[in-house]
Amino acid sequence: MEFNHYSVLLEETIEGLQIKPQGTYVDGTLGGGGHAYHVCKQLDGGRFIGIDQDAAAIEAAGRRLEEFKDKVTIVRSNYCNMKEIMKEQGIHGVDGIVLDLGVSSYQLDTIERGFSYKYDTDLDMRMDQRQMLTAKDIVNEYSERELFRVIRDYGEDQFAKNIAKHIVKAREEKPIETTFQLNEIIKAAIPAKMRVTGGHPSKKTFQAIRIECNRELEVLKNTLDDMVDLLNPGGRLCIITFHSLEDRLVKSAFRKHENPCTCPSDFPVCVCGNKSKGKAVTRKPILPSKEELEANSRSKSAKLRVFEKAL
């Protein structure tokens, strides 16, 4: 299957980066190379580093960026290792970083990856298939309390408690091994009248398990400061989120770096000595246009925020 991924908020992201032809740019979630292609097209003497943990993405992006090969370095890794990767490449500062935190259409539509509730297959959901932990492990081995926490926090599902209870009850009879098995359990845990209006009953739980399996929020939270520190003066960080918790993490990190002062508000002057590292270019997140929403329904929850490093 071909690695197709519609690049969400493409024009807005490229514009947000303010690409310098001789600059150095990093895409921490390379995917099929959609955003990357448009960055590389504007480079003349510049350099591009693409990072992704998915072998299929690496292969697809390699093909997509073939014409720019002298400017491009592709690394199979998680973007949480960006600092080390840059060090290995002999890069001390970059002019722009892109993160598109969505699951690619390819991952969702490759049935055996087990990301989607639409196809019956093994529960997997690993973005990096070298990793040991799978969705199947989470569903069968987490305690009811842990499952409740994951579904409540990452799926923001009002029926999290009941879904966790149903999962634990079902696995006492036999292990839960496939996506459709899990679908049926979730369906049984949600009141029938709510199933009619609320979209697919499994959507939120599948999202929650995927986020937990790939430690997505943890990785983002632990890497935001590193990315801001990696930027050259005037450099820009563009992050596309698809989940309110991701967006909240990005928003508060940008706010903290813009105004890191910890002095009480009634102090006449700052004495903590924390200096601003730059500013959030976007006060409110940039959302997809009506045209984009019509062309790609998966962009519905996308939000772009941009941070610019101080000069």
Protein backbone atom coordinates (compact mmCIF):
# COMPACT_ATOMS: atom_id res chain seq x y z
CA MET A 1 0.00 0.00 0.00
CA GLU A 2 1.28 3.45 -0.91
CA PHE A 3 2.11 5.81 1.96
CA ASN A 4 -0.51 8.53 1.46
CA HIS A 5 -0.83 11.28 3.97
CA TYR A 6 -2.64 14.50 3.43
CA SER A 7 -0.47 17.22 4.97
CA VAL A 8 -2.75 19.13 7.30
CA LEU A 9 -2.48 22.96 7.46
CA LEU A 10 0.28 22.75 4.85
CA GLU A 11 0.31 26.34 3.55
CA GLU A 12 -0.16 27.78 7.03
CA THR A 13 2.77 25.73 8.39
CA ILE A 14 5.14 26.62 5.55
CA GLU A 15 4.18 30.28 5.96
CA GLY A 16 4.65 30.00 9.74
CA LEU A 17 8.21 28.68 9.30
CA GLN A 18 9.37 31.75 7.32
CA ILE A 19 11.91 29.60 5.47
CA LYS A 20 15.39 31.01 4.83
CA PRO A 21 16.93 29.37 1.71
CA GLN A 22 20.21 28.72 3.54
CA GLY A 23 18.64 27.71 6.85
CA THR A 24 18.55 24.38 8.67
CA TYR A 25 15.14 22.77 9.23
CA VAL A 26 13.89 19.74 11.11
CA ASP A 27 10.69 17.76 10.76
CA GLY A 28 10.29 15.61 13.86
CA THR A 29 7.31 13.66 12.49
CA LEU A 30 8.36 13.19 8.88
CA GLY A 31 5.50 10.90 7.82
CA GLY A 32 5.24 10.70 4.03
CA GLY A 33 7.31 13.86 3.63
CA GLY A 34 4.46 16.24 2.71
CA HIS A 35 5.51 19.24 4.78
CA ALA A 36 9.15 18.29 4.22
CA TYR A 37 8.83 18.44 0.42
CA HIS A 38 7.62 22.04 0.56
CA VAL A 39 10.39 23.02 2.98
CA CYS A 40 13.10 21.43 0.81
CA LYS A 41 11.72 23.12 -2.32
CA GLN A 42 12.60 26.49 -0.79
CA LEU A 43 16.10 25.56 0.36
CA ASP A 44 19.11 26.75 -1.59
CA GLY A 45 22.26 25.84 0.30
CA GLY A 46 20.18 24.96 3.35
CA ARG A 47 19.83 21.66 5.13
CA PHE A 48 16.90 19.46 6.13
CA ILE A 49 16.72 16.71 8.79
CA GLY A 50 13.69 14.41 8.84
CA ILE A 51 12.93 12.20 11.85
CA ASP A 52 10.33 9.44 12.10
CA GLN A 53 10.05 6.23 14.07
CA ASP A 54 7.93 4.42 11.47
CA ALA A 55 9.90 2.35 8.93
CA ALA A 56 7.16 2.74 6.27
CA ALA A 57 7.26 6.53 6.68
CA ILE A 58 11.04 6.61 6.35
CA GLU A 59 10.85 4.64 3.11
CA ALA A 60 8.04 6.76 1.65
CA ALA A 61 9.66 10.06 2.62
CA GLY A 62 12.98 8.88 1.16
CA ARG A 63 11.26 8.39 -2.20
CA ARG A 64 9.34 11.67 -1.96
CA LEU A 65 12.46 13.70 -1.15
CA GLU A 66 14.75 11.87 -3.60
CA GLU A 67 15.28 14.98 -5.77
CA PHE A 68 16.70 16.92 -2.79
CA LYS A 69 18.98 14.17 -1.55
CA ASP A 70 22.11 16.28 -1.09
CA LYS A 71 20.23 18.57 1.35
CA VAL A 72 18.34 15.84 3.19
CA THR A 73 19.23 13.57 6.11
CA ILE A 74 16.59 11.09 7.29
CA VAL A 75 16.87 9.43 10.70
CA ARG A 76 14.71 6.63 12.08
CA SER A 77 14.10 7.68 15.65
CA ASN A 78 11.58 9.37 17.94
CA TYR A 79 11.64 13.17 17.90
CA CYS A 80 12.29 13.10 21.67
CA ASN A 81 15.91 12.33 20.65
CA MET A 82 16.14 15.48 18.50
CA LYS A 83 18.83 17.10 20.66
CA GLU A 84 21.13 14.06 20.38
CA ILE A 85 20.40 13.64 16.66
CA MET A 86 21.40 17.26 15.98
CA LYS A 87 24.59 16.79 17.99
CA GLU A 88 25.45 13.68 15.92
CA GLN A 89 24.84 15.70 12.74
CA GLY A 90 27.13 18.47 13.99
CA ILE A 91 24.22 20.94 14.12
CA HIS A 92 24.11 23.38 17.03
CA GLY A 93 21.05 25.42 16.09
CA VAL A 94 18.19 25.23 13.60
CA ASP A 95 16.01 27.83 11.88
CA GLY A 96 12.77 25.91 12.03
CA ILE A 97 11.13 22.80 13.44
CA VAL A 98 7.85 21.18 12.38
CA LEU A 99 5.81 18.65 14.33
CA ASP A 100 2.59 17.21 12.90
CA LEU A 101 1.30 15.09 15.75
CA GLY A 102 -1.50 13.34 13.89
CA VAL A 103 -1.54 9.67 12.94
CA SER A 104 -0.93 9.46 9.20
CA SER A 105 -3.69 8.29 6.88
CA TYR A 106 -1.33 5.50 5.88
CA GLN A 107 -1.08 4.22 9.45
CA LEU A 108 -4.85 4.38 9.91
CA ASP A 109 -5.54 2.64 6.61
CA THR A 110 -2.87 -0.07 6.83
CA ILE A 111 -5.16 -2.68 8.33
CA GLU A 112 -2.57 -4.84 10.11
CA ARG A 113 -1.22 -1.86 12.08
CA GLY A 114 -4.37 -2.01 14.21
CA PHE A 115 -4.83 1.78 14.56
CA SER A 116 -8.37 1.87 13.23
CA TYR A 117 -11.63 0.61 14.68
CA LYS A 118 -12.95 0.26 11.11
CA TYR A 119 -11.03 -2.93 10.25
CA ASP A 120 -10.86 -6.23 12.08
CA THR A 121 -7.24 -7.04 12.90
CA ASP A 122 -4.81 -7.60 15.76
CA LEU A 123 -4.68 -4.85 18.39
CA ASP A 124 -1.25 -3.30 17.75
CA MET A 125 -1.11 0.53 17.39
CA ARG A 126 2.70 0.84 17.66
CA MET A 127 4.14 3.72 15.64
CA ASP A 128 7.57 2.15 16.07
CA GLN A 129 7.30 -1.58 15.47
CA ARG A 130 10.58 -2.18 17.27
CA GLN A 131 8.77 -1.32 20.49
CA MET A 132 7.56 -4.15 22.76
CA LEU A 133 4.37 -2.67 24.25
CA THR A 134 1.25 -3.04 22.06
CA ALA A 135 -2.39 -2.02 22.40
CA LYS A 136 -3.16 -5.67 23.13
CA ASP A 137 -0.88 -5.55 26.19
CA ILE A 138 -2.59 -2.41 27.49
CA VAL A 139 -6.10 -3.80 27.04
CA ASN A 140 -5.28 -7.16 28.64
CA GLU A 141 -2.79 -6.22 31.35
CA TYR A 142 -3.62 -2.75 32.69
CA SER A 143 -5.71 -2.70 35.86
CA GLU A 144 -9.27 -1.38 35.69
CA ARG A 145 -8.09 1.79 37.40
CA GLU A 146 -5.25 2.34 34.90
CA LEU A 147 -7.59 1.72 31.96
CA PHE A 148 -10.08 4.20 33.40
CA ARG A 149 -7.32 6.82 33.75
CA VAL A 150 -6.11 6.31 30.15
CA ILE A 151 -9.61 6.42 28.61
CA ARG A 152 -10.72 9.37 30.75
CA ASP A 153 -7.57 11.49 30.29
CA TYR A 154 -6.54 10.66 26.72
CA GLY A 155 -9.93 9.82 25.23
CA GLU A 156 -11.89 12.37 27.23
CA ASP A 157 -14.76 9.87 27.16
CA GLN A 158 -17.57 10.39 29.65
CA PHE A 159 -18.14 6.62 29.80
CA ALA A 160 -14.48 5.83 30.63
CA LYS A 161 -15.36 4.15 33.94
CA ASN A 162 -17.93 1.84 32.35
CA ILE A 163 -15.69 1.03 29.35
CA ALA A 164 -12.80 0.07 31.67
CA LYS A 165 -15.16 -2.12 33.70
CA HIS A 166 -16.47 -3.88 30.57
CA ILE A 167 -12.93 -4.48 29.26
CA VAL A 168 -11.83 -6.11 32.53
CA LYS A 169 -14.98 -8.26 32.69
CA ALA A 170 -14.61 -9.42 29.08
CA ARG A 171 -10.93 -10.37 29.38
CA GLU A 172 -11.69 -12.59 32.39
CA GLU A 173 -13.44 -14.91 29.95
CA LYS A 174 -10.83 -14.71 27.16
CA PRO A 175 -8.03 -12.36 26.06
CA ILE A 176 -9.07 -9.39 23.91
CA GLU A 177 -6.98 -9.73 20.78
CA THR A 178 -8.66 -7.90 17.90
CA THR A 179 -10.01 -4.45 17.11
CA PHE A 180 -13.55 -5.75 16.50
CA GLN A 181 -13.56 -7.64 19.81
CA LEU A 182 -12.72 -4.37 21.52
CA ASN A 183 -15.35 -2.52 19.45
CA GLU A 184 -18.08 -4.84 20.72
CA ILE A 185 -17.01 -4.41 24.34
CA ILE A 186 -16.97 -0.60 24.04
CA LYS A 187 -20.35 -0.59 22.30
CA ALA A 188 -21.87 -2.60 25.15
CA ALA A 189 -20.50 -0.08 27.69
CA ILE A 190 -22.14 2.97 26.08
CA PRO A 191 -25.90 3.64 26.42
CA ALA A 192 -27.76 2.97 23.16
CA LYS A 193 -29.19 6.49 22.87
CA MET A 194 -25.68 7.98 23.12
CA ARG A 195 -24.39 5.66 20.39
CA VAL A 196 -26.80 7.22 17.90
CA THR A 197 -25.47 10.76 18.19
CA GLY A 198 -21.87 10.63 19.37
CA GLY A 199 -19.94 9.37 16.31
CA HIS A 200 -18.32 5.91 16.39
CA PRO A 201 -18.42 4.60 19.99
CA SER A 202 -14.81 3.33 19.79
CA LYS A 203 -13.20 6.51 18.47
CA LYS A 204 -12.21 8.03 21.81
CA THR A 205 -11.06 4.79 23.44
CA PHE A 206 -8.92 3.82 20.42
CA GLN A 207 -7.34 7.29 20.47
CA ALA A 208 -6.65 6.95 24.21
CA ILE A 209 -4.99 3.53 23.86
CA ARG A 210 -2.88 4.74 20.92
CA ILE A 211 -1.66 7.78 22.90
CA GLU A 212 -0.78 5.55 25.87
CA CYS A 213 0.90 2.89 23.70
CA ASN A 214 3.18 5.43 22.01
CA ARG A 215 3.63 7.70 25.08
CA GLU A 216 2.62 10.57 22.82
CA LEU A 217 1.85 13.21 25.47
CA GLU A 218 4.85 12.28 27.59
CA VAL A 219 7.20 12.58 24.61
CA LEU A 220 5.74 15.96 23.63
CA LYS A 221 5.88 17.32 27.17
CA ASN A 222 9.50 16.21 27.65
CA THR A 223 10.72 17.60 24.31
CA LEU A 224 9.12 21.06 24.06
CA ASP A 225 11.90 22.81 26.01
CA ASP A 226 14.63 21.09 23.98
CA MET A 227 13.05 22.25 20.72
CA VAL A 228 12.82 25.88 21.85
CA ASP A 229 16.47 25.70 22.97
CA LEU A 230 17.53 24.27 19.59
CA LEU A 231 16.17 27.25 17.66
CA ASN A 232 18.56 29.87 16.34
CA PRO A 233 17.63 33.52 17.05
CA GLY A 234 14.51 34.28 14.98
CA GLY A 235 13.97 30.55 14.37
CA ARG A 236 10.43 29.16 14.44
CA LEU A 237 8.72 26.12 15.92
CA CYS A 238 5.44 25.05 14.25
CA ILE A 239 3.37 22.39 16.02
CA ILE A 240 0.14 20.85 14.73
CA THR A 241 -1.91 19.10 17.41
CA PHE A 242 -5.07 16.99 17.15
CA HIS A 243 -6.00 16.59 20.80
CA SER A 244 -6.95 19.17 23.43
CA LEU A 245 -4.30 17.85 25.87
CA GLU A 246 -1.56 18.19 23.24
CA ASP A 247 -2.71 21.70 22.41
CA ARG A 248 -2.76 22.63 26.09
CA LEU A 249 0.83 21.38 26.55
CA VAL A 250 2.04 23.40 23.56
CA LYS A 251 0.15 26.53 24.58
CA SER A 252 1.48 26.50 28.15
CA ALA A 253 5.08 25.74 27.05
CA PHE A 254 4.99 28.66 24.61
CA ARG A 255 3.54 30.91 27.31
CA LYS A 256 6.22 29.82 29.80
CA HIS A 257 9.05 30.54 27.33
CA GLU A 258 7.54 33.90 26.40
CA ASN A 259 7.09 35.00 30.00
CA PRO A 260 9.16 32.84 32.38
CA CYS A 261 9.12 35.37 35.24
CA THR A 262 8.19 33.65 38.51
CA CYS A 263 8.03 36.83 40.67
CA PRO A 264 4.80 37.57 42.52
CA SER A 265 2.54 39.90 40.53
CA ASP A 266 2.85 42.69 43.09
CA PHE A 267 6.65 42.95 42.71
CA PRO A 268 7.49 46.30 41.05
CA VAL A 269 10.50 44.80 39.21
CA CYS A 270 11.54 41.29 38.20
CA VAL A 271 14.14 39.75 40.52
CA CYS A 272 13.94 36.09 39.44
CA GLY A 273 16.21 36.76 36.47
CA ASN A 274 14.32 34.47 34.06
CA LYS A 275 14.55 35.93 30.57
CA SER A 276 12.00 35.51 27.80
CA LYS A 277 13.16 33.11 25.04
CA GLY A 278 10.82 34.47 22.39
CA LYS A 279 7.14 34.86 21.65
CA ALA A 280 4.09 32.90 20.57
CA VAL A 281 3.33 34.19 17.06
CA THR A 282 -0.15 32.70 17.31
CA ARG A 283 -2.25 34.05 20.17
CA LYS A 284 -5.02 31.72 19.09
CA PRO A 285 -4.29 28.50 17.19
CA ILE A 286 -4.61 28.50 13.40
CA LEU A 287 -7.42 26.18 12.28
CA PRO A 288 -8.04 24.47 8.91
CA SER A 289 -9.93 26.47 6.28
CA LYS A 290 -13.40 25.48 5.09
CA GLU A 291 -11.83 24.18 1.85
CA GLU A 292 -9.38 22.01 3.75
CA LEU A 293 -12.12 20.57 5.95
CA GLU A 294 -14.10 19.66 2.84
CA ALA A 295 -11.06 18.06 1.20
CA ASN A 296 -9.93 16.15 4.29
CA SER A 297 -12.31 15.45 7.15
CA ARG A 298 -9.40 14.15 9.24
CA SER A 299 -8.12 17.70 9.62
CA LYS A 300 -11.18 18.60 11.72
CA SER A 301 -9.45 18.78 15.12
CA ALA A 302 -6.10 20.16 13.84
CA LYS A 303 -4.62 23.27 15.50
CA LEU A 304 -1.36 24.98 14.58
CA ARG A 305 0.66 27.07 17.04
CA VAL A 306 3.89 28.90 16.16
CA PHE A 307 6.69 30.11 18.46
CA GLU A 308 9.50 32.46 17.42
CA LYS A 309 12.85 32.52 19.22
CA ALA A 310 14.03 35.94 20.39
CA LEU A 311 16.67 37.63 18.25
